[in-house]
């Protein structure tokens, strides 16, 4: 069984709604107010929950074989936002040969920064 709650609305606002009820799909003031509340709740809920950014779509994927001293497969992926990503199983952190021995990003096998750039 549905429970109901009485809500007060200013008379002036109720009068304005009742003037348009005859020309609308609503059967009563109550039906109009209920739908208005539902729409407002929906708008507030959508605003409170940020939408996930739209993911770029893949346009093309190409596989290559890299033979820089160690043969392995790489993939080049182009997206509709014009970005290009290269996946390489040998990419990662290696210890730099400089005196401070900081970790560097590059080819783990060759122990060097990547020799090429895709922009």
N, C-alpha and C. Protein backbone atom coordinates (compact mmCIF):
# COMPACT_ATOMS: atom_id res chain seq x y z
N UNK A 1 0.84 -1.19 0.00
CA UNK A 1 0.00 0.00 0.00
C UNK A 1 0.88 1.25 0.00
N UNK A 2 0.57 2.20 -0.86
CA UNK A 2 1.34 3.43 -0.98
C UNK A 2 0.98 4.38 0.15
N UNK A 3 2.02 4.94 0.77
CA UNK A 3 1.79 5.94 1.81
C UNK A 3 1.92 7.32 1.17
N UNK A 4 1.16 8.27 1.68
CA UNK A 4 1.16 9.62 1.13
C UNK A 4 1.62 10.60 2.19
N UNK A 5 2.18 11.72 1.74
CA UNK A 5 2.63 12.79 2.61
C UNK A 5 2.01 14.09 2.12
N UNK A 6 1.50 14.87 3.03
CA UNK A 6 0.90 16.15 2.67
C UNK A 6 2.01 17.20 2.64
N UNK A 7 2.06 17.95 1.53
CA UNK A 7 3.07 19.00 1.37
C UNK A 7 2.35 20.30 1.08
N UNK A 8 2.79 21.36 1.71
CA UNK A 8 2.15 22.65 1.50
C UNK A 8 2.84 23.42 0.39
N UNK A 9 2.01 24.06 -0.44
CA UNK A 9 2.50 24.87 -1.54
C UNK A 9 1.81 26.23 -1.42
N UNK A 10 2.56 27.28 -1.66
CA UNK A 10 1.96 28.62 -1.59
C UNK A 10 0.78 28.71 -2.54
N UNK A 11 -0.26 29.38 -2.13
CA UNK A 11 -1.49 29.47 -2.91
C UNK A 11 -1.25 30.08 -4.29
N UNK A 12 -0.42 31.10 -4.35
CA UNK A 12 -0.13 31.76 -5.63
C UNK A 12 0.49 30.78 -6.63
N UNK A 13 1.41 29.94 -6.16
CA UNK A 13 2.04 28.95 -7.03
C UNK A 13 1.02 27.89 -7.45
N UNK A 14 0.20 27.45 -6.53
CA UNK A 14 -0.84 26.46 -6.84
C UNK A 14 -1.81 27.01 -7.88
N UNK A 15 -2.16 28.30 -7.76
CA UNK A 15 -3.07 28.92 -8.73
C UNK A 15 -2.45 28.95 -10.13
N UNK A 16 -1.17 29.26 -10.21
CA UNK A 16 -0.48 29.29 -11.50
C UNK A 16 -0.48 27.91 -12.15
N UNK A 17 -0.24 26.88 -11.35
CA UNK A 17 -0.21 25.51 -11.88
C UNK A 17 -1.61 25.11 -12.36
N UNK A 18 -2.62 25.42 -11.58
CA UNK A 18 -3.99 25.03 -11.94
C UNK A 18 -4.45 25.70 -13.24
N UNK A 19 -3.91 26.89 -13.56
CA UNK A 19 -4.25 27.56 -14.81
C UNK A 19 -3.76 26.77 -16.02
N UNK A 20 -2.62 26.11 -15.88
CA UNK A 20 -2.06 25.36 -17.02
C UNK A 20 -2.47 23.89 -17.02
N UNK A 21 -3.10 23.42 -15.97
CA UNK A 21 -3.49 22.01 -15.90
C UNK A 21 -4.48 21.63 -16.99
N UNK A 22 -5.40 22.51 -17.32
CA UNK A 22 -6.40 22.20 -18.34
C UNK A 22 -5.76 21.94 -19.71
N UNK A 23 -4.64 22.61 -19.98
CA UNK A 23 -3.99 22.49 -21.29
C UNK A 23 -2.86 21.46 -21.27
N UNK A 24 -2.68 20.73 -20.19
CA UNK A 24 -1.55 19.82 -20.07
C UNK A 24 -2.01 18.37 -19.92
N UNK A 25 -1.05 17.48 -19.81
CA UNK A 25 -1.33 16.06 -19.66
C UNK A 25 -1.68 15.67 -18.23
N UNK A 26 -1.51 16.59 -17.29
CA UNK A 26 -1.71 16.28 -15.88
C UNK A 26 -3.19 16.30 -15.50
N UNK A 27 -3.58 15.33 -14.67
CA UNK A 27 -4.96 15.22 -14.21
C UNK A 27 -5.24 16.06 -12.97
N UNK A 28 -4.16 16.34 -12.20
CA UNK A 28 -4.36 17.05 -10.93
C UNK A 28 -3.10 17.81 -10.55
N UNK A 29 -3.27 18.69 -9.58
CA UNK A 29 -2.15 19.44 -9.02
C UNK A 29 -1.15 18.47 -8.38
N UNK A 30 -1.67 17.46 -7.72
CA UNK A 30 -0.83 16.46 -7.06
C UNK A 30 0.06 15.73 -8.07
N UNK A 31 -0.50 15.35 -9.21
CA UNK A 31 0.27 14.65 -10.24
C UNK A 31 1.39 15.55 -10.79
N UNK A 32 1.06 16.83 -11.00
CA UNK A 32 2.04 17.79 -11.50
C UNK A 32 3.20 17.95 -10.52
N UNK A 33 2.86 18.14 -9.25
CA UNK A 33 3.88 18.37 -8.22
C UNK A 33 4.74 17.12 -8.04
N UNK A 34 4.13 15.95 -8.09
CA UNK A 34 4.89 14.72 -7.93
C UNK A 34 5.92 14.57 -9.05
N UNK A 35 5.51 14.82 -10.30
CA UNK A 35 6.46 14.71 -11.40
C UNK A 35 7.55 15.78 -11.30
N UNK A 36 7.18 16.97 -10.88
CA UNK A 36 8.18 18.04 -10.73
C UNK A 36 9.23 17.66 -9.69
N UNK A 37 8.78 17.06 -8.60
CA UNK A 37 9.72 16.62 -7.55
C UNK A 37 10.63 15.51 -8.08
N UNK A 38 10.06 14.55 -8.80
CA UNK A 38 10.86 13.45 -9.35
C UNK A 38 11.93 13.96 -10.31
N UNK A 39 11.55 14.92 -11.17
CA UNK A 39 12.52 15.49 -12.13
C UNK A 39 13.62 16.26 -11.40
N UNK A 40 13.25 16.99 -10.37
CA UNK A 40 14.25 17.75 -9.60
C UNK A 40 15.22 16.80 -8.89
N UNK A 41 14.69 15.72 -8.31
CA UNK A 41 15.54 14.73 -7.66
C UNK A 41 16.51 14.10 -8.66
N UNK A 42 16.01 13.79 -9.83
CA UNK A 42 16.85 13.20 -10.87
C UNK A 42 17.97 14.17 -11.26
N UNK A 43 17.63 15.44 -11.42
CA UNK A 43 18.64 16.43 -11.79
C UNK A 43 19.70 16.57 -10.70
N UNK A 44 19.27 16.57 -9.45
CA UNK A 44 20.23 16.68 -8.34
C UNK A 44 21.11 15.44 -8.25
N UNK A 45 20.53 14.28 -8.49
CA UNK A 45 21.29 13.04 -8.44
C UNK A 45 22.32 13.00 -9.55
N UNK A 46 21.94 13.40 -10.74
CA UNK A 46 22.89 13.41 -11.86
C UNK A 46 24.02 14.39 -11.63
N UNK A 47 23.72 15.51 -10.98
CA UNK A 47 24.74 16.51 -10.70
C UNK A 47 25.71 16.01 -9.63
N UNK A 48 25.19 15.26 -8.64
CA UNK A 48 26.00 14.78 -7.53
C UNK A 48 26.96 13.68 -7.95
N UNK A 49 26.57 12.87 -8.93
CA UNK A 49 27.41 11.76 -9.37
C UNK A 49 28.10 12.19 -10.66
N UNK A 50 29.39 12.49 -10.57
CA UNK A 50 30.08 12.92 -11.79
C UNK A 50 30.13 11.77 -12.79
N UNK A 51 29.88 12.11 -14.03
CA UNK A 51 29.90 11.11 -15.08
C UNK A 51 31.35 10.80 -15.45
N UNK A 52 31.60 9.55 -15.73
CA UNK A 52 32.93 9.15 -16.16
C UNK A 52 33.22 9.78 -17.52
N UNK A 53 34.45 10.23 -17.71
CA UNK A 53 34.76 10.80 -19.01
C UNK A 53 34.58 9.75 -20.11
N UNK A 54 34.16 10.22 -21.24
CA UNK A 54 33.96 9.31 -22.36
C UNK A 54 35.31 8.77 -22.81
N UNK A 55 35.36 7.47 -22.97
CA UNK A 55 36.61 6.83 -23.37
C UNK A 55 36.82 7.02 -24.87
N UNK A 56 38.05 7.34 -25.27
CA UNK A 56 38.30 7.46 -26.70
C UNK A 56 38.16 6.10 -27.38
N UNK A 57 37.70 6.13 -28.61
CA UNK A 57 37.54 4.89 -29.37
C UNK A 57 38.83 4.58 -30.12
N UNK A 58 39.11 3.29 -30.23
CA UNK A 58 40.28 2.84 -30.98
C UNK A 58 39.99 2.94 -32.47
N UNK A 59 40.89 3.59 -33.20
CA UNK A 59 40.75 3.70 -34.65
C UNK A 59 41.56 2.60 -35.34
N UNK A 60 42.78 2.36 -34.87
CA UNK A 60 43.63 1.36 -35.51
C UNK A 60 44.61 0.78 -34.50
N UNK A 61 44.97 -0.48 -34.72
CA UNK A 61 45.99 -1.16 -33.91
C UNK A 61 46.96 -1.80 -34.88
N UNK A 62 48.22 -1.55 -34.70
CA UNK A 62 49.24 -2.17 -35.55
C UNK A 62 50.26 -2.86 -34.65
N UNK A 63 50.65 -4.05 -35.04
CA UNK A 63 51.68 -4.79 -34.32
C UNK A 63 53.00 -4.67 -35.07
N UNK A 64 54.07 -4.49 -34.33
CA UNK A 64 55.40 -4.40 -34.90
C UNK A 64 56.33 -5.32 -34.11
N UNK A 65 57.46 -5.63 -34.72
CA UNK A 65 58.49 -6.37 -34.02
C UNK A 65 59.66 -5.43 -33.83
N UNK A 66 60.06 -5.27 -32.59
CA UNK A 66 61.19 -4.39 -32.27
C UNK A 66 62.43 -5.27 -32.20
N UNK A 67 63.48 -4.86 -32.82
CA UNK A 67 64.69 -5.68 -32.80
C UNK A 67 65.89 -4.88 -32.32
N UNK A 68 65.66 -4.01 -31.35
CA UNK A 68 66.77 -3.25 -30.78
C UNK A 68 67.52 -4.14 -29.79
N UNK A 69 68.35 -5.00 -30.28
CA UNK A 69 69.18 -5.91 -29.49
C UNK A 69 68.38 -7.01 -28.79
N UNK A 70 67.05 -6.92 -28.77
CA UNK A 70 66.22 -7.95 -28.16
C UNK A 70 64.89 -7.96 -28.89
N UNK A 71 64.60 -9.02 -29.60
CA UNK A 71 63.40 -9.07 -30.43
C UNK A 71 62.16 -9.24 -29.54
N UNK A 72 61.19 -8.34 -29.70
CA UNK A 72 59.94 -8.45 -28.95
C UNK A 72 58.84 -7.71 -29.71
N UNK A 73 57.62 -7.99 -29.35
CA UNK A 73 56.46 -7.41 -30.04
C UNK A 73 56.04 -6.11 -29.35
N UNK A 74 55.68 -5.11 -30.15
CA UNK A 74 55.10 -3.89 -29.62
C UNK A 74 53.79 -3.63 -30.38
N UNK A 75 52.91 -2.85 -29.78
CA UNK A 75 51.66 -2.47 -30.45
C UNK A 75 51.55 -0.96 -30.43
N UNK A 76 51.08 -0.42 -31.56
CA UNK A 76 50.82 1.00 -31.68
C UNK A 76 49.31 1.15 -31.86
N UNK A 77 48.68 1.92 -30.97
CA UNK A 77 47.22 2.08 -30.99
C UNK A 77 46.91 3.55 -31.22
N UNK A 78 46.05 3.81 -32.21
CA UNK A 78 45.64 5.18 -32.50
C UNK A 78 44.18 5.34 -32.07
N UNK A 79 43.88 6.43 -31.36
CA UNK A 79 42.54 6.70 -30.85
C UNK A 79 41.90 7.88 -31.58
N UNK A 80 40.56 7.97 -31.48
CA UNK A 80 39.85 9.04 -32.18
C UNK A 80 40.10 10.42 -31.60
N UNK A 81 40.73 10.52 -30.41
CA UNK A 81 41.08 11.83 -29.87
C UNK A 81 42.46 12.27 -30.37
N UNK A 82 42.98 11.59 -31.39
CA UNK A 82 44.25 11.82 -32.07
C UNK A 82 45.48 11.43 -31.24
N UNK A 83 45.28 10.75 -30.12
CA UNK A 83 46.42 10.27 -29.35
C UNK A 83 46.89 8.93 -29.91
N UNK A 84 48.17 8.67 -29.73
CA UNK A 84 48.78 7.42 -30.18
C UNK A 84 49.53 6.85 -28.98
N UNK A 85 49.28 5.58 -28.69
CA UNK A 85 49.91 4.92 -27.55
C UNK A 85 50.71 3.72 -28.05
N UNK A 86 51.89 3.54 -27.49
CA UNK A 86 52.74 2.41 -27.84
C UNK A 86 52.84 1.52 -26.61
N UNK A 87 52.53 0.24 -26.78
CA UNK A 87 52.70 -0.70 -25.67
C UNK A 87 53.90 -1.58 -25.98
N UNK A 88 54.77 -1.66 -25.03
CA UNK A 88 56.01 -2.41 -25.21
C UNK A 88 56.24 -3.23 -23.94
N UNK A 89 56.38 -4.56 -24.07
CA UNK A 89 56.58 -5.38 -22.87
C UNK A 89 57.92 -5.12 -22.18
N UNK A 90 58.84 -4.49 -22.88
CA UNK A 90 60.14 -4.23 -22.29
C UNK A 90 60.24 -2.84 -21.65
N UNK A 91 59.15 -2.07 -21.72
CA UNK A 91 59.18 -0.72 -21.16
C UNK A 91 59.01 -0.78 -19.65
N UNK A 92 59.77 -0.01 -18.93
CA UNK A 92 59.65 0.01 -17.48
C UNK A 92 60.76 0.81 -16.84
N UNK A 93 61.04 0.53 -15.57
CA UNK A 93 62.08 1.25 -14.83
C UNK A 93 63.40 0.49 -14.90
N UNK A 94 64.47 1.23 -15.05
CA UNK A 94 65.81 0.64 -14.96
C UNK A 94 66.68 1.61 -14.19
N UNK A 95 67.77 1.11 -13.64
CA UNK A 95 68.67 1.95 -12.87
C UNK A 95 69.60 2.68 -13.81
N UNK A 96 69.65 3.99 -13.69
CA UNK A 96 70.46 4.81 -14.56
C UNK A 96 71.94 4.57 -14.27
N UNK A 97 72.77 4.79 -15.28
CA UNK A 97 74.22 4.59 -15.12
C UNK A 97 74.92 5.85 -14.62
N UNK A 98 74.18 6.94 -14.40
CA UNK A 98 74.80 8.16 -13.89
C UNK A 98 75.18 7.95 -12.42
N UNK A 99 76.04 8.79 -11.89
CA UNK A 99 76.52 8.59 -10.51
C UNK A 99 75.40 8.56 -9.46
N UNK A 100 74.31 9.30 -9.67
CA UNK A 100 73.26 9.31 -8.64
C UNK A 100 72.34 8.09 -8.73
N UNK A 101 72.46 7.26 -9.74
CA UNK A 101 71.73 5.99 -9.90
C UNK A 101 70.22 6.12 -9.72
N UNK A 102 69.64 7.17 -10.29
CA UNK A 102 68.19 7.35 -10.20
C UNK A 102 67.48 6.36 -11.12
N UNK A 103 66.29 5.89 -10.73
CA UNK A 103 65.52 5.04 -11.65
C UNK A 103 65.04 5.87 -12.85
N UNK A 104 65.08 5.26 -14.01
CA UNK A 104 64.69 5.93 -15.24
C UNK A 104 63.64 5.07 -15.96
N UNK A 105 62.80 5.72 -16.76
CA UNK A 105 61.86 5.00 -17.59
C UNK A 105 62.47 4.75 -18.95
N UNK A 106 62.29 3.56 -19.46
CA UNK A 106 62.81 3.24 -20.78
C UNK A 106 62.77 1.75 -21.02
N UNK A 107 63.64 1.25 -21.89
CA UNK A 107 63.68 -0.17 -22.22
C UNK A 107 64.45 -0.90 -21.12
N UNK A 108 63.76 -1.81 -20.44
CA UNK A 108 64.40 -2.55 -19.34
C UNK A 108 65.52 -3.44 -19.85
N UNK A 109 65.38 -3.95 -21.07
CA UNK A 109 66.39 -4.87 -21.62
C UNK A 109 67.66 -4.12 -22.02
N UNK A 110 67.50 -2.99 -22.71
CA UNK A 110 68.65 -2.23 -23.20
C UNK A 110 69.22 -1.30 -22.14
N UNK A 111 68.47 -1.08 -21.06
CA UNK A 111 68.87 -0.18 -19.97
C UNK A 111 69.15 1.23 -20.49
N UNK A 112 68.27 1.67 -21.41
CA UNK A 112 68.41 3.00 -22.00
C UNK A 112 67.03 3.61 -22.12
N UNK A 113 66.98 4.95 -22.19
CA UNK A 113 65.70 5.58 -22.49
C UNK A 113 65.24 5.14 -23.89
N UNK A 114 63.96 5.24 -24.13
CA UNK A 114 63.44 4.86 -25.45
C UNK A 114 64.08 5.72 -26.51
N UNK A 115 64.41 5.08 -27.64
CA UNK A 115 65.13 5.76 -28.70
C UNK A 115 64.23 6.47 -29.67
N UNK A 116 62.91 6.25 -29.58
CA UNK A 116 62.01 6.89 -30.52
C UNK A 116 60.76 7.39 -29.81
N UNK A 117 60.10 8.32 -30.42
CA UNK A 117 58.93 8.97 -29.82
C UNK A 117 57.82 9.02 -30.84
N UNK A 118 56.62 8.67 -30.41
CA UNK A 118 55.44 8.81 -31.28
C UNK A 118 54.60 9.92 -30.70
N UNK A 119 54.30 10.96 -31.45
CA UNK A 119 53.55 12.09 -30.93
C UNK A 119 52.23 12.28 -31.59
